[in-house]
Amino acid sequence: MDIAENAALVVVDVQKGFEEPDFWGARNNPGADDNIAALIDVWQGTGRPVVFVRHDSVKPGSPLRLGYEGNDFKEYVEERRGKGSGGELFLTKTVNSAFLGTPDLGAWLTAEGISQIVVAGIQTNMCAETTARMGGNLGYDVLFAYDATYTFDLEGPFGWRRSAEEIAQASAVSLHGGGFARVVTTEELVGAAGL
């Protein structure tokens, strides 16, 4: 696997509000945060650009709403901001895709000459997946860091309920099988990006 010298790591919604199990329910992949931290460290250590995305929910009861502590980045992300020698972008959004945030992610990637992105963060099947899908649609070479994401149990139509792990796997199958992104592991990315 080749990682471009200027591949951008897009860290999606790693916010304190996702630490409220009473709101979200059961999650999968307890190692995700360590993997996200490892990716940020490698990206910053190799001078590659990192994009930090924050979801500013417009829903009044959301743990991710503006003005509430849950809107803040988790500590390990906040303490890494501004530490890399590569480019860095901070953007906010109110919808699922980081490509529909402020400032404009696509415009920044174009200006920086970036054609490859690595997506990590929360939730696997929501904002991480939507960002990866849009990236693929927009012509970027997208790598999806599967084990650097996590999600929660979810109920859908017809009383269907799926576990977080089932949902995460379904996202990975859709992204990879559908050609939107290449689904890879943190270990593969760290090895290819190399310090």
C-alpha atoms as a PDB file:
ATOM      1  CA  MET A   1       0.000   0.000   0.000  1.00  0.00           C
ATOM      2  CA  ASP A   2       1.375   3.380  -1.015  1.00  0.00           C
ATOM      3  CA  ILE A   3       0.780   6.405   1.173  1.00  0.00           C
ATOM      4  CA  ALA A   4       1.394   9.699  -0.605  1.00  0.00           C
ATOM      5  CA  GLU A   5       3.887  12.097   0.981  1.00  0.00           C
ATOM      6  CA  ASN A   6       1.053  14.609   1.299  1.00  0.00           C
ATOM      7  CA  ALA A   7      -1.826  12.226   2.066  1.00  0.00           C
ATOM      8  CA  ALA A   8      -4.214  13.954   4.475  1.00  0.00           C
ATOM      9  CA  LEU A   9      -5.470  12.233   7.616  1.00  0.00           C
ATOM     10  CA  VAL A  10      -9.084  13.292   8.200  1.00  0.00           C
ATOM     11  CA  VAL A  11      -9.949  12.834  11.882  1.00  0.00           C
ATOM     12  CA  VAL A  12     -13.737  12.903  12.087  1.00  0.00           C
ATOM     13  CA  ASP A  13     -15.697  13.947  15.193  1.00  0.00           C
ATOM     14  CA  VAL A  14     -13.493  12.531  17.952  1.00  0.00           C
ATOM     15  CA  GLN A  15     -15.491  14.399  20.581  1.00  0.00           C
ATOM     16  CA  LYS A  16     -16.252  13.987  24.274  1.00  0.00           C
ATOM     17  CA  GLY A  17     -19.979  13.713  23.608  1.00  0.00           C
ATOM     18  CA  PHE A  18     -19.468  10.202  22.263  1.00  0.00           C
ATOM     19  CA  GLU A  19     -18.426   9.106  25.768  1.00  0.00           C
ATOM     20  CA  GLU A  20     -22.058   9.191  26.954  1.00  0.00           C
ATOM     21  CA  PRO A  21     -23.309   5.583  26.724  1.00  0.00           C
ATOM     22  CA  ASP A  22     -26.735   6.472  28.131  1.00  0.00           C
ATOM     23  CA  PHE A  23     -27.331   8.500  24.981  1.00  0.00           C
ATOM     24  CA  TRP A  24     -25.635   6.331  22.347  1.00  0.00           C
ATOM     25  CA  GLY A  25     -25.852   2.771  23.677  1.00  0.00           C
ATOM     26  CA  ALA A  26     -23.263   0.015  23.342  1.00  0.00           C
ATOM     27  CA  ARG A  27     -20.210   0.611  21.136  1.00  0.00           C
ATOM     28  CA  ASN A  28     -17.681  -1.601  19.394  1.00  0.00           C
ATOM     29  CA  ASN A  29     -13.906  -1.471  18.983  1.00  0.00           C
ATOM     30  CA  PRO A  30     -12.564  -0.282  22.356  1.00  0.00           C
ATOM     31  CA  GLY A  31      -9.115   0.121  20.777  1.00  0.00           C
ATOM     32  CA  ALA A  32     -10.235   2.799  18.318  1.00  0.00           C
ATOM     33  CA  ASP A  33      -9.000   5.779  20.332  1.00  0.00           C
ATOM     34  CA  ASP A  34      -5.487   4.332  20.654  1.00  0.00           C
ATOM     35  CA  ASN A  35      -5.446   3.700  16.915  1.00  0.00           C
ATOM     36  CA  ILE A  36      -6.647   7.221  16.095  1.00  0.00           C
ATOM     37  CA  ALA A  37      -3.922   8.644  18.349  1.00  0.00           C
ATOM     38  CA  ALA A  38      -1.299   6.450  16.653  1.00  0.00           C
ATOM     39  CA  LEU A  39      -2.355   7.653  13.204  1.00  0.00           C
ATOM     40  CA  ILE A  40      -2.222  11.316  14.241  1.00  0.00           C
ATOM     41  CA  ASP A  41       1.246  10.759  15.709  1.00  0.00           C
ATOM     42  CA  VAL A  42       2.568   9.112  12.549  1.00  0.00           C
ATOM     43  CA  TRP A  43       0.993  11.725  10.281  1.00  0.00           C
ATOM     44  CA  GLN A  44       2.395  14.586  12.326  1.00  0.00           C
ATOM     45  CA  GLY A  45       5.739  12.847  12.755  1.00  0.00           C
ATOM     46  CA  THR A  46       6.166  12.455   8.998  1.00  0.00           C
ATOM     47  CA  GLY A  47       5.066  16.009   8.202  1.00  0.00           C
ATOM     48  CA  ARG A  48       1.838  14.945   6.547  1.00  0.00           C
ATOM     49  CA  PRO A  49      -1.295  17.102   6.816  1.00  0.00           C
ATOM     50  CA  VAL A  50      -4.029  16.423   9.361  1.00  0.00           C
ATOM     51  CA  VAL A  51      -7.632  17.625   9.208  1.00  0.00           C
ATOM     52  CA  PHE A  52      -9.516  17.873  12.499  1.00  0.00           C
ATOM     53  CA  VAL A  53     -13.286  17.763  12.012  1.00  0.00           C
ATOM     54  CA  ARG A  54     -15.787  18.738  14.705  1.00  0.00           C
ATOM     55  CA  HIS A  55     -19.508  18.093  14.541  1.00  0.00           C
ATOM     56  CA  ASP A  56     -21.547  21.033  15.825  1.00  0.00           C
ATOM     57  CA  SER A  57     -24.947  19.409  16.234  1.00  0.00           C
ATOM     58  CA  VAL A  58     -27.993  21.601  15.741  1.00  0.00           C
ATOM     59  CA  LYS A  59     -30.163  19.174  17.719  1.00  0.00           C
ATOM     60  CA  PRO A  60     -30.930  20.670  21.162  1.00  0.00           C
ATOM     61  CA  GLY A  61     -30.457  17.419  23.119  1.00  0.00           C
ATOM     62  CA  SER A  62     -27.361  16.193  21.327  1.00  0.00           C
ATOM     63  CA  PRO A  63     -24.184  15.577  23.350  1.00  0.00           C
ATOM     64  CA  LEU A  64     -22.361  17.189  20.385  1.00  0.00           C
ATOM     65  CA  ARG A  65     -24.232  20.507  20.492  1.00  0.00           C
ATOM     66  CA  LEU A  66     -22.331  23.783  20.571  1.00  0.00           C
ATOM     67  CA  GLY A  67     -21.829  25.221  24.046  1.00  0.00           C
ATOM     68  CA  TYR A  68     -21.905  21.801  25.706  1.00  0.00           C
ATOM     69  CA  GLU A  69     -18.772  20.058  26.990  1.00  0.00           C
ATOM     70  CA  GLY A  70     -19.449  17.085  24.719  1.00  0.00           C
ATOM     71  CA  ASN A  71     -18.802  19.279  21.682  1.00  0.00           C
ATOM     72  CA  ASP A  72     -15.099  19.482  22.620  1.00  0.00           C
ATOM     73  CA  PHE A  73     -12.520  17.160  21.112  1.00  0.00           C
ATOM     74  CA  LYS A  74     -11.410  14.286  23.321  1.00  0.00           C
ATOM     75  CA  GLU A  75      -8.296  15.242  25.290  1.00  0.00           C
ATOM     76  CA  TYR A  76      -5.857  13.116  23.298  1.00  0.00           C
ATOM     77  CA  VAL A  77      -6.974  14.839  20.089  1.00  0.00           C
ATOM     78  CA  GLU A  78      -7.012  18.356  21.528  1.00  0.00           C
ATOM     79  CA  GLU A  79      -3.485  17.982  22.913  1.00  0.00           C
ATOM     80  CA  ARG A  80      -2.181  16.915  19.487  1.00  0.00           C
ATOM     81  CA  ARG A  81      -3.613  19.863  17.562  1.00  0.00           C
ATOM     82  CA  GLY A  82      -0.957  22.209  16.234  1.00  0.00           C
ATOM     83  CA  LYS A  83       1.862  19.761  16.942  1.00  0.00           C
ATOM     84  CA  GLY A  84       2.642  18.545  13.432  1.00  0.00           C
ATOM     85  CA  SER A  85       5.129  19.991  10.971  1.00  0.00           C
ATOM     86  CA  GLY A  86       2.715  19.395   8.098  1.00  0.00           C
ATOM     87  CA  GLY A  87      -0.382  21.369   7.173  1.00  0.00           C
ATOM     88  CA  GLU A  88      -3.352  21.374   9.504  1.00  0.00           C
ATOM     89  CA  LEU A  89      -6.984  22.253   8.974  1.00  0.00           C
ATOM     90  CA  PHE A  90      -9.750  22.599  11.544  1.00  0.00           C
ATOM     91  CA  LEU A  91     -13.279  22.489  10.200  1.00  0.00           C
ATOM     92  CA  THR A  92     -16.761  22.306  11.642  1.00  0.00           C
ATOM     93  CA  LYS A  93     -19.886  20.765  10.184  1.00  0.00           C
ATOM     94  CA  THR A  94     -23.546  20.245  11.016  1.00  0.00           C
ATOM     95  CA  VAL A  95     -24.156  17.307   8.648  1.00  0.00           C
ATOM     96  CA  ASN A  96     -22.490  13.914   8.139  1.00  0.00           C
ATOM     97  CA  SER A  97     -19.884  14.762   5.526  1.00  0.00           C
ATOM     98  CA  ALA A  98     -16.673  16.638   6.293  1.00  0.00           C
ATOM     99  CA  PHE A  99     -16.862  17.811   2.664  1.00  0.00           C
ATOM    100  CA  LEU A 100     -19.889  19.921   3.626  1.00  0.00           C
ATOM    101  CA  GLY A 101     -18.187  21.795   6.452  1.00  0.00           C
ATOM    102  CA  THR A 102     -16.547  25.169   7.013  1.00  0.00           C
ATOM    103  CA  PRO A 103     -14.014  25.943   5.687  1.00  0.00           C
ATOM    104  CA  ASP A 104     -14.422  23.915   2.508  1.00  0.00           C
ATOM    105  CA  LEU A 105     -12.427  20.675   2.745  1.00  0.00           C
ATOM    106  CA  GLY A 106     -12.358  20.037  -1.004  1.00  0.00           C
ATOM    107  CA  ALA A 107     -11.048  23.534  -1.722  1.00  0.00           C
ATOM    108  CA  TRP A 108      -8.307  23.118   0.898  1.00  0.00           C
ATOM    109  CA  LEU A 109      -7.260  19.702  -0.453  1.00  0.00           C
ATOM    110  CA  THR A 110      -7.140  21.113  -3.992  1.00  0.00           C
ATOM    111  CA  ALA A 111      -5.095  24.129  -2.887  1.00  0.00           C
ATOM    112  CA  GLU A 112      -2.655  21.806  -1.101  1.00  0.00           C
ATOM    113  CA  GLY A 113      -2.411  19.455  -4.096  1.00  0.00           C
ATOM    114  CA  ILE A 114      -3.743  16.515  -2.079  1.00  0.00           C
ATOM    115  CA  SER A 115      -5.386  13.607  -3.891  1.00  0.00           C
ATOM    116  CA  GLN A 116      -5.270  10.896  -1.190  1.00  0.00           C
ATOM    117  CA  ILE A 117      -7.095  10.983   2.138  1.00  0.00           C
ATOM    118  CA  VAL A 118      -7.219   8.621   5.100  1.00  0.00           C
ATOM    119  CA  VAL A 119     -10.474   8.681   7.082  1.00  0.00           C
ATOM    120  CA  ALA A 120     -10.629   7.826  10.801  1.00  0.00           C
ATOM    121  CA  GLY A 121     -12.964   8.769  13.640  1.00  0.00           C
ATOM    122  CA  ILE A 122     -16.541   8.458  14.832  1.00  0.00           C
ATOM    123  CA  GLN A 123     -18.992   7.003  13.874  1.00  0.00           C
ATOM    124  CA  THR A 124     -17.934   4.285  11.437  1.00  0.00           C
ATOM    125  CA  ASN A 125     -21.293   4.151   9.632  1.00  0.00           C
ATOM    126  CA  MET A 126     -22.247   7.804   9.925  1.00  0.00           C
ATOM    127  CA  CYS A 127     -19.824  10.697   9.492  1.00  0.00           C
ATOM    128  CA  ALA A 128     -16.719   8.606   8.789  1.00  0.00           C
ATOM    129  CA  GLU A 129     -18.497   6.549   6.126  1.00  0.00           C
ATOM    130  CA  THR A 130     -20.257   9.561   4.588  1.00  0.00           C
ATOM    131  CA  THR A 131     -16.988  11.474   4.355  1.00  0.00           C
ATOM    132  CA  ALA A 132     -15.309   8.458   2.727  1.00  0.00           C
ATOM    133  CA  ARG A 133     -18.165   7.977   0.247  1.00  0.00           C
ATOM    134  CA  MET A 134     -18.135  11.633  -0.781  1.00  0.00           C
ATOM    135  CA  GLY A 135     -14.370  11.572  -1.059  1.00  0.00           C
ATOM    136  CA  GLY A 136     -14.606   8.617  -3.400  1.00  0.00           C
ATOM    137  CA  ASN A 137     -17.331  10.318  -5.428  1.00  0.00           C
ATOM    138  CA  LEU A 138     -15.199  13.452  -5.709  1.00  0.00           C
ATOM    139  CA  GLY A 139     -12.292  11.461  -7.120  1.00  0.00           C
ATOM    140  CA  TYR A 140      -9.990  11.192  -4.111  1.00  0.00           C
ATOM    141  CA  ASP A 141      -8.047   8.032  -3.381  1.00  0.00           C
ATOM    142  CA  VAL A 142      -9.685   7.170  -0.047  1.00  0.00           C
ATOM    143  CA  LEU A 143      -8.265   4.852   2.594  1.00  0.00           C
ATOM    144  CA  PHE A 144     -10.652   3.996   5.417  1.00  0.00           C
ATOM    145  CA  ALA A 145      -8.895   3.185   8.699  1.00  0.00           C
ATOM    146  CA  TYR A 146     -11.441   0.635   9.868  1.00  0.00           C
ATOM    147  CA  ASP A 147     -10.042  -0.099  13.336  1.00  0.00           C
ATOM    148  CA  ALA A 148      -9.536   3.628  13.972  1.00  0.00           C
ATOM    149  CA  THR A 149     -13.321   4.079  13.907  1.00  0.00           C
ATOM    150  CA  TYR A 150     -16.181   2.917  16.079  1.00  0.00           C
ATOM    151  CA  THR A 151     -19.939   3.089  16.254  1.00  0.00           C
ATOM    152  CA  PHE A 152     -22.953   2.094  18.340  1.00  0.00           C
ATOM    153  CA  ASP A 153     -25.847  -0.352  18.266  1.00  0.00           C
ATOM    154  CA  LEU A 154     -28.668   1.001  16.129  1.00  0.00           C
ATOM    155  CA  GLU A 155     -32.319   0.387  15.392  1.00  0.00           C
ATOM    156  CA  GLY A 156     -33.650   0.973  11.886  1.00  0.00           C
ATOM    157  CA  PRO A 157     -36.892   0.267  10.033  1.00  0.00           C
ATOM    158  CA  PHE A 158     -39.176  -2.729  10.588  1.00  0.00           C
ATOM    159  CA  GLY A 159     -37.837  -3.194  14.107  1.00  0.00           C
ATOM    160  CA  TRP A 160     -34.469  -4.254  12.697  1.00  0.00           C
ATOM    161  CA  ARG A 161     -31.700  -3.841  15.227  1.00  0.00           C
ATOM    162  CA  ARG A 162     -28.013  -4.387  14.585  1.00  0.00           C
ATOM    163  CA  SER A 163     -25.032  -4.442  16.903  1.00  0.00           C
ATOM    164  CA  ALA A 164     -22.278  -1.884  16.540  1.00  0.00           C
ATOM    165  CA  GLU A 165     -19.942  -4.578  15.206  1.00  0.00           C
ATOM    166  CA  GLU A 166     -22.462  -5.731  12.585  1.00  0.00           C
ATOM    167  CA  ILE A 167     -23.027  -2.146  11.476  1.00  0.00           C
ATOM    168  CA  ALA A 168     -19.295  -1.397  11.298  1.00  0.00           C
ATOM    169  CA  GLN A 169     -18.669  -4.500   9.197  1.00  0.00           C
ATOM    170  CA  ALA A 170     -21.546  -3.597   6.880  1.00  0.00           C
ATOM    171  CA  SER A 171     -20.027  -0.132   6.399  1.00  0.00           C
ATOM    172  CA  ALA A 172     -16.655  -1.653   5.580  1.00  0.00           C
ATOM    173  CA  VAL A 173     -18.198  -4.070   3.077  1.00  0.00           C
ATOM    174  CA  SER A 174     -20.164  -1.281   1.367  1.00  0.00           C
ATOM    175  CA  LEU A 175     -17.194   1.083   1.182  1.00  0.00           C
ATOM    176  CA  HIS A 176     -14.670  -1.492   0.027  1.00  0.00           C
ATOM    177  CA  GLY A 177     -16.943  -3.692  -2.068  1.00  0.00           C
ATOM    178  CA  GLY A 178     -18.617  -0.660  -3.619  1.00  0.00           C
ATOM    179  CA  GLY A 179     -15.341   0.941  -4.634  1.00  0.00           C
ATOM    180  CA  PHE A 180     -15.723   4.075  -2.512  1.00  0.00           C
ATOM    181  CA  ALA A 181     -12.588   3.418  -0.465  1.00  0.00           C
ATOM    182  CA  ARG A 182      -9.985   0.833   0.396  1.00  0.00           C
ATOM    183  CA  VAL A 183     -10.663  -0.428   3.908  1.00  0.00           C
ATOM    184  CA  VAL A 184      -7.394  -0.944   5.777  1.00  0.00           C
ATOM    185  CA  THR A 185      -6.036  -1.290   9.314  1.00  0.00           C
ATOM    186  CA  THR A 186      -4.106   1.154  11.453  1.00  0.00           C
ATOM    187  CA  GLU A 187      -1.139  -1.227  11.420  1.00  0.00           C
ATOM    188  CA  GLU A 188      -1.075  -1.247   7.621  1.00  0.00           C
ATOM    189  CA  LEU A 189      -1.246   2.547   7.489  1.00  0.00           C
ATOM    190  CA  VAL A 190       1.449   3.067  10.119  1.00  0.00           C
ATOM    191  CA  GLY A 191       3.706   0.602   8.335  1.00  0.00           C
ATOM    192  CA  ALA A 192       3.194   2.262   4.961  1.00  0.00           C
ATOM    193  CA  ALA A 193       3.466   5.838   6.226  1.00  0.00           C
ATOM    194  CA  GLY A 194       6.542   5.022   8.311  1.00  0.00           C
ATOM    195  CA  LEU A 195       8.333   7.326  10.726  1.00  0.00           C
END
